[in-house]
Amino acid sequence: MRHEITPELAGAFIRRAAALGYEVRRLENDPELCLSAFWEGQEICRFEKWGAMRYFEREPHERERWKLHSLLLSMKEAHDLYRDARPLEADGVEGFRIISEYGDVLLAAKMDKYDEVRYVTWDYSYDRTGVTVGHYFETDYEGAKRDFAIRAGLIPQGQVFAEEERKVLYAACVFYGEHDGEMAYGGEKEFMELVEKLEDSLPEQAVEAVIERTPEAAPEQSGDRGQEDEHGIQ
């Protein structure tokens, strides 16, 4: 089901954005827009009630704009999944909802007092009246999904790299890209795609830590966002 941005989600997003250095304000008088975002005192974009972003092509701070939009969409996905999920009825736990289940394994979530969705994977007890062996992931939905897939046997554990392993691989790729000057064009394209895939799978702090150690090795990303004066991106 498609949901609007709720006041609870807006509040959680405003707090999370503030921790990253943004100022996000609520818009009360527009039937389509609900939030306006600022970076260093300058408005960089606005968000529609369904999560789409509006901005002008020639406005600066593109990286900050897309980073903030990605955060909003990930938080909205979490809230939407939680709102659509059915309650978990199990002995000893309260307030959780079932996001997914397969066999005797389930992925559940709970909304905390700050309107953040927090995740856990469990095994059902033998009679399915309770749950056991909880793996808690706080707000890390991607990590919870991977753990659920592994515990349920949907993905062999040997085919999944842990976060620390992905950090090592990313650092090695950055070092290799910095020092190998003989890479052919076809290989370079595939290599850059691998680096970007690793970047997307890691927390931003881990990526920045590697880049700080090898500042000239960071791959540059570019893309044509379109030629219109104003964009609506969903």
C-alpha atoms as a PDB file:
ATOM      1  CA  MET A   1       0.000   0.000   0.000  1.00  0.00           C
ATOM      2  CA  ARG A   2       1.228   3.496  -0.859  1.00  0.00           C
ATOM      3  CA  HIS A   3       1.417   5.758   2.185  1.00  0.00           C
ATOM      4  CA  GLU A   4       1.948   9.465   2.698  1.00  0.00           C
ATOM      5  CA  ILE A   5       4.692  10.757   4.961  1.00  0.00           C
ATOM      6  CA  THR A   6       3.129  10.703   8.405  1.00  0.00           C
ATOM      7  CA  PRO A   7       3.830  13.262  11.155  1.00  0.00           C
ATOM      8  CA  GLU A   8       5.691  10.506  13.028  1.00  0.00           C
ATOM      9  CA  LEU A   9       7.912   9.743  10.044  1.00  0.00           C
ATOM     10  CA  ALA A  10       8.501  13.456   9.435  1.00  0.00           C
ATOM     11  CA  GLY A  11       9.594  13.938  13.038  1.00  0.00           C
ATOM     12  CA  ALA A  12      11.981  10.979  12.941  1.00  0.00           C
ATOM     13  CA  PHE A  13      13.405  12.153   9.608  1.00  0.00           C
ATOM     14  CA  ILE A  14      13.921  15.713  10.887  1.00  0.00           C
ATOM     15  CA  ARG A  15      15.873  14.392  13.879  1.00  0.00           C
ATOM     16  CA  ARG A  16      17.986  12.033  11.764  1.00  0.00           C
ATOM     17  CA  ALA A  17      18.690  14.777   9.212  1.00  0.00           C
ATOM     18  CA  ALA A  18      19.688  17.237  11.946  1.00  0.00           C
ATOM     19  CA  ALA A  19      22.302  14.765  13.186  1.00  0.00           C
ATOM     20  CA  LEU A  20      23.821  14.874   9.682  1.00  0.00           C
ATOM     21  CA  GLY A  21      23.945  18.683   9.586  1.00  0.00           C
ATOM     22  CA  TYR A  22      20.704  19.409   7.705  1.00  0.00           C
ATOM     23  CA  GLU A  23      17.797  21.560   8.745  1.00  0.00           C
ATOM     24  CA  VAL A  24      14.416  20.216   7.653  1.00  0.00           C
ATOM     25  CA  ARG A  25      11.241  22.252   8.135  1.00  0.00           C
ATOM     26  CA  ARG A  26       7.621  21.212   7.847  1.00  0.00           C
ATOM     27  CA  LEU A  27       5.460  22.868   5.185  1.00  0.00           C
ATOM     28  CA  GLU A  28       1.896  23.358   6.352  1.00  0.00           C
ATOM     29  CA  ASN A  29       0.184  25.335   3.577  1.00  0.00           C
ATOM     30  CA  ASP A  30       0.861  23.282   0.441  1.00  0.00           C
ATOM     31  CA  PRO A  31      -1.403  20.305  -0.387  1.00  0.00           C
ATOM     32  CA  GLU A  32       1.399  18.489  -2.267  1.00  0.00           C
ATOM     33  CA  LEU A  33       4.558  19.359  -0.325  1.00  0.00           C
ATOM     34  CA  CYS A  34       5.331  18.537   3.284  1.00  0.00           C
ATOM     35  CA  LEU A  35       9.041  19.183   3.958  1.00  0.00           C
ATOM     36  CA  SER A  36      11.703  21.709   2.986  1.00  0.00           C
ATOM     37  CA  ALA A  37      15.409  20.893   3.440  1.00  0.00           C
ATOM     38  CA  PHE A  38      18.301  23.287   4.054  1.00  0.00           C
ATOM     39  CA  TRP A  39      22.084  22.871   3.955  1.00  0.00           C
ATOM     40  CA  GLU A  40      24.322  25.612   5.362  1.00  0.00           C
ATOM     41  CA  GLY A  41      21.323  27.953   5.499  1.00  0.00           C
ATOM     42  CA  GLN A  42      20.344  27.462   1.846  1.00  0.00           C
ATOM     43  CA  GLU A  43      17.243  25.577   0.745  1.00  0.00           C
ATOM     44  CA  ILE A  44      18.366  22.657  -1.414  1.00  0.00           C
ATOM     45  CA  CYS A  45      15.119  20.759  -2.093  1.00  0.00           C
ATOM     46  CA  ARG A  46      11.547  20.047  -1.070  1.00  0.00           C
ATOM     47  CA  PHE A  47       9.748  16.766  -0.542  1.00  0.00           C
ATOM     48  CA  GLU A  48       6.254  15.808  -1.603  1.00  0.00           C
ATOM     49  CA  LYS A  49       3.903  13.971   0.746  1.00  0.00           C
ATOM     50  CA  TRP A  50       4.573  10.682  -1.078  1.00  0.00           C
ATOM     51  CA  GLY A  51       8.380  11.034  -0.776  1.00  0.00           C
ATOM     52  CA  ALA A  52       9.279  12.501  -4.194  1.00  0.00           C
ATOM     53  CA  MET A  53      11.936  15.233  -4.272  1.00  0.00           C
ATOM     54  CA  ARG A  54      11.703  18.580  -6.054  1.00  0.00           C
ATOM     55  CA  TYR A  55      14.686  20.768  -6.862  1.00  0.00           C
ATOM     56  CA  PHE A  56      16.047  23.123  -9.508  1.00  0.00           C
ATOM     57  CA  GLU A  57      18.713  21.841 -11.890  1.00  0.00           C
ATOM     58  CA  ARG A  58      21.251  24.600 -11.312  1.00  0.00           C
ATOM     59  CA  GLU A  59      21.025  24.625  -7.531  1.00  0.00           C
ATOM     60  CA  PRO A  60      24.269  23.560  -5.779  1.00  0.00           C
ATOM     61  CA  HIS A  61      24.716  20.832  -3.164  1.00  0.00           C
ATOM     62  CA  GLU A  62      23.686  17.949  -5.414  1.00  0.00           C
ATOM     63  CA  ARG A  63      25.478  15.353  -3.280  1.00  0.00           C
ATOM     64  CA  GLU A  64      23.816  16.555  -0.077  1.00  0.00           C
ATOM     65  CA  ARG A  65      20.427  16.654  -1.788  1.00  0.00           C
ATOM     66  CA  TRP A  66      20.587  13.054  -3.005  1.00  0.00           C
ATOM     67  CA  LYS A  67      22.026  11.807   0.259  1.00  0.00           C
ATOM     68  CA  LEU A  68      19.074  13.303   2.130  1.00  0.00           C
ATOM     69  CA  HIS A  69      16.542  11.933  -0.346  1.00  0.00           C
ATOM     70  CA  SER A  70      18.033   8.450   0.013  1.00  0.00           C
ATOM     71  CA  LEU A  71      17.658   8.711   3.782  1.00  0.00           C
ATOM     72  CA  LEU A  72      14.028   9.779   3.498  1.00  0.00           C
ATOM     73  CA  LEU A  73      13.134   6.956   1.107  1.00  0.00           C
ATOM     74  CA  SER A  74      14.799   4.322   3.293  1.00  0.00           C
ATOM     75  CA  MET A  75      12.981   5.591   6.386  1.00  0.00           C
ATOM     76  CA  LYS A  76       9.679   5.785   4.498  1.00  0.00           C
ATOM     77  CA  GLU A  77      10.102   2.197   3.308  1.00  0.00           C
ATOM     78  CA  ALA A  78      10.620   1.109   6.902  1.00  0.00           C
ATOM     79  CA  HIS A  79       7.533   2.969   8.132  1.00  0.00           C
ATOM     80  CA  ASP A  80       5.391   1.731   5.240  1.00  0.00           C
ATOM     81  CA  LEU A  81       6.399  -1.892   5.834  1.00  0.00           C
ATOM     82  CA  TYR A  82       5.686  -1.542   9.535  1.00  0.00           C
ATOM     83  CA  ARG A  83       2.252  -0.012   8.964  1.00  0.00           C
ATOM     84  CA  ASP A  84       1.263  -2.809   6.558  1.00  0.00           C
ATOM     85  CA  ALA A  85       2.595  -5.659   8.725  1.00  0.00           C
ATOM     86  CA  ARG A  86       0.408  -7.786  10.967  1.00  0.00           C
ATOM     87  CA  PRO A  87       1.030  -7.962  14.736  1.00  0.00           C
ATOM     88  CA  LEU A  88       3.247 -10.698  16.124  1.00  0.00           C
ATOM     89  CA  GLU A  89       1.361 -12.819  18.647  1.00  0.00           C
ATOM     90  CA  ALA A  90       4.013 -14.608  20.670  1.00  0.00           C
ATOM     91  CA  ASP A  91       4.635 -15.208  24.344  1.00  0.00           C
ATOM     92  CA  GLY A  92       7.056 -12.812  25.994  1.00  0.00           C
ATOM     93  CA  VAL A  93       7.171 -10.099  23.305  1.00  0.00           C
ATOM     94  CA  GLU A  94       4.929  -7.080  22.793  1.00  0.00           C
ATOM     95  CA  GLY A  95       4.516  -4.419  20.136  1.00  0.00           C
ATOM     96  CA  PHE A  96       6.294  -6.275  17.322  1.00  0.00           C
ATOM     97  CA  ARG A  97       4.946  -6.814  13.815  1.00  0.00           C
ATOM     98  CA  ILE A  98       5.896  -9.506  11.310  1.00  0.00           C
ATOM     99  CA  ILE A  99       7.736  -8.124   8.283  1.00  0.00           C
ATOM    100  CA  SER A 100       8.472 -11.541   6.772  1.00  0.00           C
ATOM    101  CA  GLU A 101       8.586 -15.203   7.753  1.00  0.00           C
ATOM    102  CA  TYR A 102       9.794 -18.398   6.142  1.00  0.00           C
ATOM    103  CA  GLY A 103       9.570 -21.773   7.792  1.00  0.00           C
ATOM    104  CA  ASP A 104      10.401 -21.293  11.455  1.00  0.00           C
ATOM    105  CA  VAL A 105      12.290 -18.001  10.961  1.00  0.00           C
ATOM    106  CA  LEU A 106      10.768 -14.529  11.090  1.00  0.00           C
ATOM    107  CA  LEU A 107      11.831 -10.940  10.595  1.00  0.00           C
ATOM    108  CA  ALA A 108       9.972  -8.602  12.936  1.00  0.00           C
ATOM    109  CA  ALA A 109       9.976  -4.878  13.703  1.00  0.00           C
ATOM    110  CA  LYS A 110       8.918  -2.524  16.454  1.00  0.00           C
ATOM    111  CA  MET A 111       8.414   1.228  16.545  1.00  0.00           C
ATOM    112  CA  ASP A 112      10.336   2.873  19.382  1.00  0.00           C
ATOM    113  CA  LYS A 113       9.432   6.031  21.311  1.00  0.00           C
ATOM    114  CA  TYR A 114      11.343   8.150  18.789  1.00  0.00           C
ATOM    115  CA  ASP A 115       9.266   6.759  15.873  1.00  0.00           C
ATOM    116  CA  GLU A 116      12.223   4.773  14.548  1.00  0.00           C
ATOM    117  CA  VAL A 117      11.601   1.236  13.261  1.00  0.00           C
ATOM    118  CA  ARG A 118      13.934  -1.341  14.803  1.00  0.00           C
ATOM    119  CA  TYR A 119      14.418  -4.893  13.537  1.00  0.00           C
ATOM    120  CA  VAL A 120      15.049  -8.347  14.921  1.00  0.00           C
ATOM    121  CA  THR A 121      15.176 -11.875  13.498  1.00  0.00           C
ATOM    122  CA  TRP A 122      13.948 -14.830  15.548  1.00  0.00           C
ATOM    123  CA  ASP A 123      13.323 -18.547  15.377  1.00  0.00           C
ATOM    124  CA  TYR A 124       9.867 -19.691  16.371  1.00  0.00           C
ATOM    125  CA  SER A 125       9.683 -22.023  19.346  1.00  0.00           C
ATOM    126  CA  TYR A 126       8.824 -25.649  18.603  1.00  0.00           C
ATOM    127  CA  ASP A 127       5.073 -25.030  19.097  1.00  0.00           C
ATOM    128  CA  ARG A 128       5.196 -21.551  17.436  1.00  0.00           C
ATOM    129  CA  THR A 129       3.748 -19.887  20.521  1.00  0.00           C
ATOM    130  CA  GLY A 130       6.962 -18.015  21.272  1.00  0.00           C
ATOM    131  CA  VAL A 131      10.248 -16.893  19.720  1.00  0.00           C
ATOM    132  CA  THR A 132      13.887 -17.533  20.559  1.00  0.00           C
ATOM    133  CA  VAL A 133      17.500 -16.640  19.618  1.00  0.00           C
ATOM    134  CA  GLY A 134      16.976 -13.005  18.682  1.00  0.00           C
ATOM    135  CA  HIS A 135      19.454 -11.153  16.465  1.00  0.00           C
ATOM    136  CA  TYR A 136      18.877  -7.399  16.925  1.00  0.00           C
ATOM    137  CA  PHE A 137      19.731  -4.880  14.208  1.00  0.00           C
ATOM    138  CA  GLU A 138      18.442  -1.542  15.528  1.00  0.00           C
ATOM    139  CA  THR A 139      17.455   0.475  12.408  1.00  0.00           C
ATOM    140  CA  ASP A 140      19.585  -1.586   9.977  1.00  0.00           C
ATOM    141  CA  TYR A 141      16.915  -3.059   7.710  1.00  0.00           C
ATOM    142  CA  GLU A 142      19.395  -4.294   5.095  1.00  0.00           C
ATOM    143  CA  GLY A 143      21.391  -6.154   7.731  1.00  0.00           C
ATOM    144  CA  ALA A 144      18.222  -7.662   9.191  1.00  0.00           C
ATOM    145  CA  LYS A 145      17.096  -8.831   5.731  1.00  0.00           C
ATOM    146  CA  ARG A 146      20.427 -10.531   5.080  1.00  0.00           C
ATOM    147  CA  ASP A 147      20.347 -12.254   8.450  1.00  0.00           C
ATOM    148  CA  PHE A 148      16.767 -13.398   7.862  1.00  0.00           C
ATOM    149  CA  ALA A 149      17.657 -14.845   4.439  1.00  0.00           C
ATOM    150  CA  ILE A 150      20.668 -16.710   5.880  1.00  0.00           C
ATOM    151  CA  ARG A 151      18.821 -18.038   8.928  1.00  0.00           C
ATOM    152  CA  ALA A 152      15.919 -19.181   6.739  1.00  0.00           C
ATOM    153  CA  GLY A 153      18.290 -20.940   4.345  1.00  0.00           C
ATOM    154  CA  LEU A 154      17.301 -18.740   1.394  1.00  0.00           C
ATOM    155  CA  ILE A 155      20.952 -17.723   0.884  1.00  0.00           C
ATOM    156  CA  PRO A 156      23.905 -19.994   1.754  1.00  0.00           C
ATOM    157  CA  GLN A 157      25.946 -18.299   4.462  1.00  0.00           C
ATOM    158  CA  GLY A 158      29.173 -18.936   2.566  1.00  0.00           C
ATOM    159  CA  GLN A 159      27.949 -16.742  -0.302  1.00  0.00           C
ATOM    160  CA  VAL A 160      27.450 -13.655   1.888  1.00  0.00           C
ATOM    161  CA  PHE A 161      30.274 -11.345   2.929  1.00  0.00           C
ATOM    162  CA  ALA A 162      30.083  -9.868   6.415  1.00  0.00           C
ATOM    163  CA  GLU A 163      30.465  -6.091   6.770  1.00  0.00           C
ATOM    164  CA  GLU A 164      34.060  -6.354   7.993  1.00  0.00           C
ATOM    165  CA  GLU A 165      34.888  -8.519   4.982  1.00  0.00           C
ATOM    166  CA  ARG A 166      33.299  -5.996   2.620  1.00  0.00           C
ATOM    167  CA  LYS A 167      35.362  -3.226   4.218  1.00  0.00           C
ATOM    168  CA  VAL A 168      38.565  -5.165   3.512  1.00  0.00           C
ATOM    169  CA  LEU A 169      37.487  -5.815  -0.079  1.00  0.00           C
ATOM    170  CA  TYR A 170      36.627  -2.160  -0.637  1.00  0.00           C
ATOM    171  CA  ALA A 171      39.959  -0.946   0.761  1.00  0.00           C
ATOM    172  CA  ALA A 172      41.788  -3.439  -1.440  1.00  0.00           C
ATOM    173  CA  CYS A 173      39.862  -2.282  -4.526  1.00  0.00           C
ATOM    174  CA  VAL A 174      40.598   1.373  -3.809  1.00  0.00           C
ATOM    175  CA  PHE A 175      44.301   0.591  -3.361  1.00  0.00           C
ATOM    176  CA  TYR A 176      44.334  -1.457  -6.569  1.00  0.00           C
ATOM    177  CA  GLY A 177      42.614   1.297  -8.531  1.00  0.00           C
ATOM    178  CA  GLU A 178      45.124   3.827  -7.208  1.00  0.00           C
ATOM    179  CA  HIS A 179      48.214   1.861  -8.191  1.00  0.00           C
ATOM    180  CA  ASP A 180      47.321  -0.166 -11.287  1.00  0.00           C
ATOM    181  CA  GLY A 181      47.890   1.951 -14.398  1.00  0.00           C
ATOM    182  CA  GLU A 182      47.599  -0.919 -16.911  1.00  0.00           C
ATOM    183  CA  MET A 183      43.881  -1.651 -16.613  1.00  0.00           C
ATOM    184  CA  ALA A 184      42.126  -2.038 -19.978  1.00  0.00           C
ATOM    185  CA  TYR A 185      38.943  -0.050 -20.658  1.00  0.00           C
ATOM    186  CA  GLY A 186      36.588  -3.014 -20.396  1.00  0.00           C
ATOM    187  CA  GLY A 187      38.183  -4.158 -17.175  1.00  0.00           C
ATOM    188  CA  GLU A 188      38.145  -0.640 -15.767  1.00  0.00           C
ATOM    189  CA  LYS A 189      34.382  -0.343 -16.337  1.00  0.00           C
ATOM    190  CA  GLU A 190      33.687  -3.639 -14.568  1.00  0.00           C
ATOM    191  CA  PHE A 191      36.085  -2.696 -11.787  1.00  0.00           C
ATOM    192  CA  MET A 192      34.349   0.644 -11.184  1.00  0.00           C
ATOM    193  CA  GLU A 193      30.974  -1.112 -11.056  1.00  0.00           C
ATOM    194  CA  LEU A 194      32.379  -3.450  -8.401  1.00  0.00           C
ATOM    195  CA  VAL A 195      33.724  -0.527  -6.358  1.00  0.00           C
ATOM    196  CA  GLU A 196      30.353   1.250  -6.527  1.00  0.00           C
ATOM    197  CA  LYS A 197      28.549  -1.930  -5.473  1.00  0.00           C
ATOM    198  CA  LEU A 198      30.821  -2.271  -2.455  1.00  0.00           C
ATOM    199  CA  GLU A 199      30.306   1.403  -1.582  1.00  0.00           C
ATOM    200  CA  ASP A 200      26.528   0.966  -1.662  1.00  0.00           C
ATOM    201  CA  SER A 201      26.748  -2.023   0.689  1.00  0.00           C
ATOM    202  CA  LEU A 202      28.790  -0.217   3.362  1.00  0.00           C
ATOM    203  CA  PRO A 203      27.961   2.506   5.894  1.00  0.00           C
ATOM    204  CA  GLU A 204      29.049   5.927   4.709  1.00  0.00           C
ATOM    205  CA  GLN A 205      31.492   6.246   7.611  1.00  0.00           C
ATOM    206  CA  ALA A 206      33.348   3.117   6.463  1.00  0.00           C
ATOM    207  CA  VAL A 207      33.611   4.434   2.893  1.00  0.00           C
ATOM    208  CA  GLU A 208      34.846   7.837   4.075  1.00  0.00           C
ATOM    209  CA  ALA A 209      37.442   6.218   6.322  1.00  0.00           C
ATOM    210  CA  VAL A 210      38.971   4.393   3.338  1.00  0.00           C
ATOM    211  CA  ILE A 211      38.840   7.499   1.141  1.00  0.00           C
ATOM    212  CA  GLU A 212      40.564   9.579   3.829  1.00  0.00           C
ATOM    213  CA  ARG A 213      43.445   7.106   3.893  1.00  0.00           C
ATOM    214  CA  THR A 214      43.754   7.230   0.069  1.00  0.00           C
ATOM    215  CA  PRO A 215      42.217  10.591  -0.913  1.00  0.00           C
ATOM    216  CA  GLU A 216      43.120  10.394  -4.601  1.00  0.00           C
ATOM    217  CA  ALA A 217      41.714   6.902  -5.005  1.00  0.00           C
ATOM    218  CA  ALA A 218      38.029   7.728  -4.564  1.00  0.00           C
ATOM    219  CA  PRO A 219      36.083   6.984  -7.772  1.00  0.00           C
ATOM    220  CA  GLU A 220      34.234   9.920  -9.247  1.00  0.00           C
ATOM    221  CA  GLN A 221      30.551   9.397  -9.962  1.00  0.00           C
ATOM    222  CA  SER A 222      28.592  11.372 -12.451  1.00  0.00           C
ATOM    223  CA  GLY A 223      25.205  11.085 -14.050  1.00  0.00           C
ATOM    224  CA  ASP A 224      22.774  13.032 -16.163  1.00  0.00           C
ATOM    225  CA  ARG A 225      19.801  13.889 -13.977  1.00  0.00           C
ATOM    226  CA  GLY A 226      17.928  15.446 -16.900  1.00  0.00           C
ATOM    227  CA  GLN A 227      17.632  18.847 -18.519  1.00  0.00           C
ATOM    228  CA  GLU A 228      14.415  20.212 -17.051  1.00  0.00           C
ATOM    229  CA  ASP A 229      14.535  23.272 -14.814  1.00  0.00           C
ATOM    230  CA  GLU A 230      12.650  21.514 -12.039  1.00  0.00           C
ATOM    231  CA  HIS A 231      12.688  17.830 -11.220  1.00  0.00           C
ATOM    232  CA  GLY A 232      10.382  15.515  -9.376  1.00  0.00           C
ATOM    233  CA  ILE A 233      12.250  12.352  -8.429  1.00  0.00           C
ATOM    234  CA  GLN A 234      10.621   9.372  -6.768  1.00  0.00           C
END
